[in-house]
Amino acid sequence: MAVVRQFELKDLDRVAPHSEVNATISLVELDGEKFVQIDTYGSKDRAIPDKISQSVRLTKAAFDQLTQYAAKHF
């Protein structure tokens, strides 16, 4: 599990397609701090398809930064 407090915008040298997976969002509060947690699940080709693959918690600052970048991009 990872907690992201800020993002750094980076240009990719190479862009390749990714496989599609299911994801969930959870609203978490721990020790008085709120997070948005994103969990991704294994692709259908994995040995355990519905097992959590990645879990990331965003602080409010990171979430706000991400939404600002996304709003400019889309």
Protein backbone atom coordinates (compact mmCIF):
# COMPACT_ATOMS: atom_id res chain seq x y z
CA MET A 1 0.00 0.00 0.00
CA ALA A 2 1.23 3.48 -0.82
CA VAL A 3 0.22 6.95 0.37
CA VAL A 4 0.65 9.73 -2.19
CA ARG A 5 0.96 13.25 -0.79
CA GLN A 6 1.90 15.01 -4.04
CA PHE A 7 2.42 14.31 -7.71
CA GLU A 8 5.18 15.29 -10.07
CA LEU A 9 4.10 15.74 -13.70
CA LYS A 10 6.31 13.71 -16.02
CA ASP A 11 6.30 13.25 -19.79
CA LEU A 12 6.68 9.64 -20.89
CA ASP A 13 9.36 8.70 -23.38
CA ARG A 14 7.25 5.85 -24.71
CA VAL A 15 3.51 5.18 -24.49
CA ALA A 16 2.23 1.62 -24.74
CA PRO A 17 -1.24 0.16 -24.22
CA HIS A 18 -2.19 -1.23 -20.80
CA SER A 19 -4.59 -4.05 -20.03
CA GLU A 20 -7.97 -3.13 -18.58
CA VAL A 21 -8.80 -4.14 -15.01
CA ASN A 22 -11.53 -3.50 -12.48
CA ALA A 23 -10.99 -0.87 -9.81
CA THR A 24 -12.74 0.38 -6.69
CA ILE A 25 -12.60 3.63 -4.75
CA SER A 26 -12.91 3.75 -0.96
CA LEU A 27 -13.20 6.81 1.27
CA VAL A 28 -10.90 6.21 4.24
CA GLU A 29 -10.23 8.09 7.45
CA LEU A 30 -7.25 7.05 9.58
CA ASP A 31 -5.95 8.92 12.63
CA GLY A 32 -8.02 11.97 11.66
CA GLU A 33 -6.64 12.15 8.11
CA LYS A 34 -8.90 11.50 5.11
CA PHE A 35 -7.82 9.61 2.00
CA VAL A 36 -9.28 8.46 -1.30
CA GLN A 37 -8.11 4.89 -1.80
CA ILE A 38 -7.95 3.32 -5.26
CA ASP A 39 -7.62 -0.46 -5.52
CA THR A 40 -7.04 -2.26 -8.81
CA TYR A 41 -7.73 -5.94 -9.28
CA GLY A 42 -5.90 -8.60 -11.27
CA SER A 43 -6.73 -8.97 -14.93
CA LYS A 44 -8.80 -11.95 -16.01
CA ASP A 45 -5.60 -13.62 -17.24
CA ARG A 46 -3.98 -13.74 -13.77
CA ALA A 47 -3.98 -16.79 -11.52
CA ILE A 48 -6.24 -15.02 -8.99
CA PRO A 49 -8.26 -12.55 -11.12
CA ASP A 50 -10.18 -10.77 -8.32
CA LYS A 51 -7.23 -10.27 -5.98
CA ILE A 52 -6.15 -6.68 -5.26
CA SER A 53 -3.08 -5.89 -7.36
CA GLN A 54 -2.35 -2.29 -6.40
CA SER A 55 -3.64 -0.06 -3.63
CA VAL A 56 -2.95 3.68 -3.48
CA ARG A 57 -4.21 6.24 -0.98
CA LEU A 58 -4.32 9.89 -1.99
CA THR A 59 -4.28 12.70 0.55
CA LYS A 60 -6.57 15.66 -0.06
CA ALA A 61 -3.63 17.65 -1.46
CA ALA A 62 -2.70 14.85 -3.87
CA PHE A 63 -6.33 14.34 -4.91
CA ASP A 64 -6.75 18.08 -5.57
CA GLN A 65 -3.53 18.12 -7.59
CA LEU A 66 -4.62 15.09 -9.61
CA THR A 67 -8.03 16.61 -10.41
CA GLN A 68 -6.37 19.86 -11.53
CA TYR A 69 -4.04 17.99 -13.89
CA ALA A 70 -6.94 15.88 -15.17
CA ALA A 71 -9.16 18.93 -15.76
CA LYS A 72 -6.43 20.55 -17.87
CA HIS A 73 -5.73 17.32 -19.77
CA PHE A 74 -9.32 16.37 -20.63
